[in-house]
Amino acid sequence: MKKERLTMLCVAIAGLIFIPTVFFNVPIFALVGAFFDWLPLPTGWMKAEREIHQGFLRLHVIVTLLAYAIFAAWLITRTATIGFAFLEVWWVAVIFGVLMGE
């Protein structure tokens, strides 16, 4: 399986975990989703096999870090609104991650 497909599979699994954990406000279980979301980085699956758009790469990194700062706040406060904010910002990071390959 190509690296890009493995990355997308991990992100899809992360999203499938994040959605119910946010809906039911159980941030501790979202750590499993975070594992899958970050798995492509240490495995090297995120290394580009082709040229990537540097602007979208920067946006992806910045928005991902912002999303996980919100995630940390959600873990600490266990406030449902913060969980939904995490999901929304994380989703934007995913979109920028997809666009950087275009």
Protein backbone atom coordinates (compact mmCIF):
# COMPACT_ATOMS: atom_id res chain seq x y z
CA MET A 1 0.00 0.00 0.00
CA LYS A 2 1.36 3.41 -0.91
CA LYS A 3 2.45 5.74 1.87
CA GLU A 4 -0.23 8.26 0.93
CA ARG A 5 -2.97 5.65 1.27
CA LEU A 6 -1.65 4.48 4.63
CA THR A 7 -1.63 8.07 5.84
CA MET A 8 -5.20 8.64 4.67
CA LEU A 9 -6.30 5.37 6.29
CA CYS A 10 -4.81 6.45 9.63
CA VAL A 11 -6.44 9.88 9.39
CA ALA A 12 -9.77 8.27 8.52
CA ILE A 13 -9.52 5.96 11.54
CA ALA A 14 -8.63 8.96 13.72
CA GLY A 15 -11.68 10.84 12.46
CA LEU A 16 -13.94 7.87 13.06
CA ILE A 17 -12.70 7.77 16.63
CA PHE A 18 -12.77 11.54 17.19
CA ILE A 19 -16.39 12.03 16.12
CA PRO A 20 -18.07 9.81 18.76
CA THR A 21 -15.61 10.83 21.47
CA VAL A 22 -16.45 14.48 20.87
CA PHE A 23 -20.16 13.75 20.58
CA PHE A 24 -20.19 11.85 23.88
CA ASN A 25 -17.56 14.17 25.43
CA VAL A 26 -15.06 11.46 26.36
CA PRO A 27 -11.70 13.10 25.61
CA ILE A 28 -9.61 10.32 27.17
CA PHE A 29 -10.73 7.89 24.43
CA ALA A 30 -9.78 10.49 21.81
CA LEU A 31 -6.16 9.72 22.69
CA VAL A 32 -6.55 6.54 20.62
CA GLY A 33 -7.62 8.69 17.68
CA ALA A 34 -4.65 10.98 18.27
CA PHE A 35 -2.37 7.93 18.10
CA PHE A 36 -3.68 7.08 14.63
CA ASP A 37 -3.57 10.72 13.56
CA TRP A 38 0.13 11.03 14.43
CA LEU A 39 1.16 7.49 13.39
CA PRO A 40 2.16 8.46 9.81
CA LEU A 41 4.77 10.90 11.12
CA PRO A 42 7.14 8.46 12.94
CA THR A 43 6.57 5.71 10.36
CA GLY A 44 7.71 7.98 7.53
CA TRP A 45 4.46 7.62 5.62
CA MET A 46 4.12 11.41 5.45
CA LYS A 47 7.32 11.80 3.45
CA ALA A 48 6.29 13.17 0.09
CA GLU A 49 6.88 11.00 -2.95
CA ARG A 50 6.21 14.03 -5.14
CA GLU A 51 6.43 17.79 -4.89
CA ILE A 52 4.21 19.36 -2.26
CA HIS A 53 2.77 22.85 -1.94
CA GLN A 54 4.84 24.57 0.76
CA GLY A 55 2.13 27.07 1.68
CA PHE A 56 -0.38 24.34 2.45
CA LEU A 57 2.31 22.38 4.31
CA ARG A 58 2.90 25.35 6.63
CA LEU A 59 -0.84 25.83 7.12
CA HIS A 60 -1.27 22.11 7.83
CA VAL A 61 1.45 22.15 10.49
CA ILE A 62 0.22 25.36 12.15
CA VAL A 63 -3.45 24.34 12.20
CA THR A 64 -2.60 20.81 13.40
CA LEU A 65 -0.61 22.21 16.32
CA LEU A 66 -3.47 24.60 17.11
CA ALA A 67 -5.95 21.70 17.00
CA TYR A 68 -3.87 19.70 19.47
CA ALA A 69 -3.50 22.71 21.78
CA ILE A 70 -7.29 22.79 21.83
CA PHE A 71 -7.26 19.00 22.36
CA ALA A 72 -5.07 19.47 25.44
CA ALA A 73 -7.52 22.06 26.77
CA TRP A 74 -10.36 19.59 26.16
CA LEU A 75 -8.51 16.86 28.06
CA ILE A 76 -7.99 19.21 31.00
CA THR A 77 -11.43 20.86 31.14
CA ARG A 78 -13.61 18.07 29.70
CA THR A 79 -15.84 20.80 28.26
CA ALA A 80 -17.91 19.59 25.30
CA THR A 81 -17.67 22.92 23.48
CA ILE A 82 -13.88 22.70 23.48
CA GLY A 83 -14.15 19.16 22.10
CA PHE A 84 -16.24 20.41 19.20
CA ALA A 85 -13.75 23.24 18.63
CA PHE A 86 -10.96 20.65 18.46
CA LEU A 87 -12.88 18.60 15.90
CA GLU A 88 -13.56 21.63 13.70
CA VAL A 89 -9.97 22.87 13.75
CA TRP A 90 -8.61 19.34 13.28
CA TRP A 91 -10.82 18.92 10.23
CA VAL A 92 -9.41 22.11 8.69
CA ALA A 93 -5.90 20.72 9.30
CA VAL A 94 -6.88 17.54 7.46
CA ILE A 95 -8.12 19.60 4.50
CA PHE A 96 -4.82 21.52 4.36
CA GLY A 97 -2.97 18.19 4.54
CA VAL A 98 -4.86 16.93 1.51
CA LEU A 99 -4.38 20.19 -0.40
CA MET A 100 -0.62 20.24 0.09
CA GLY A 101 -0.36 17.35 -2.37
CA GLU A 102 -2.28 19.19 -5.08
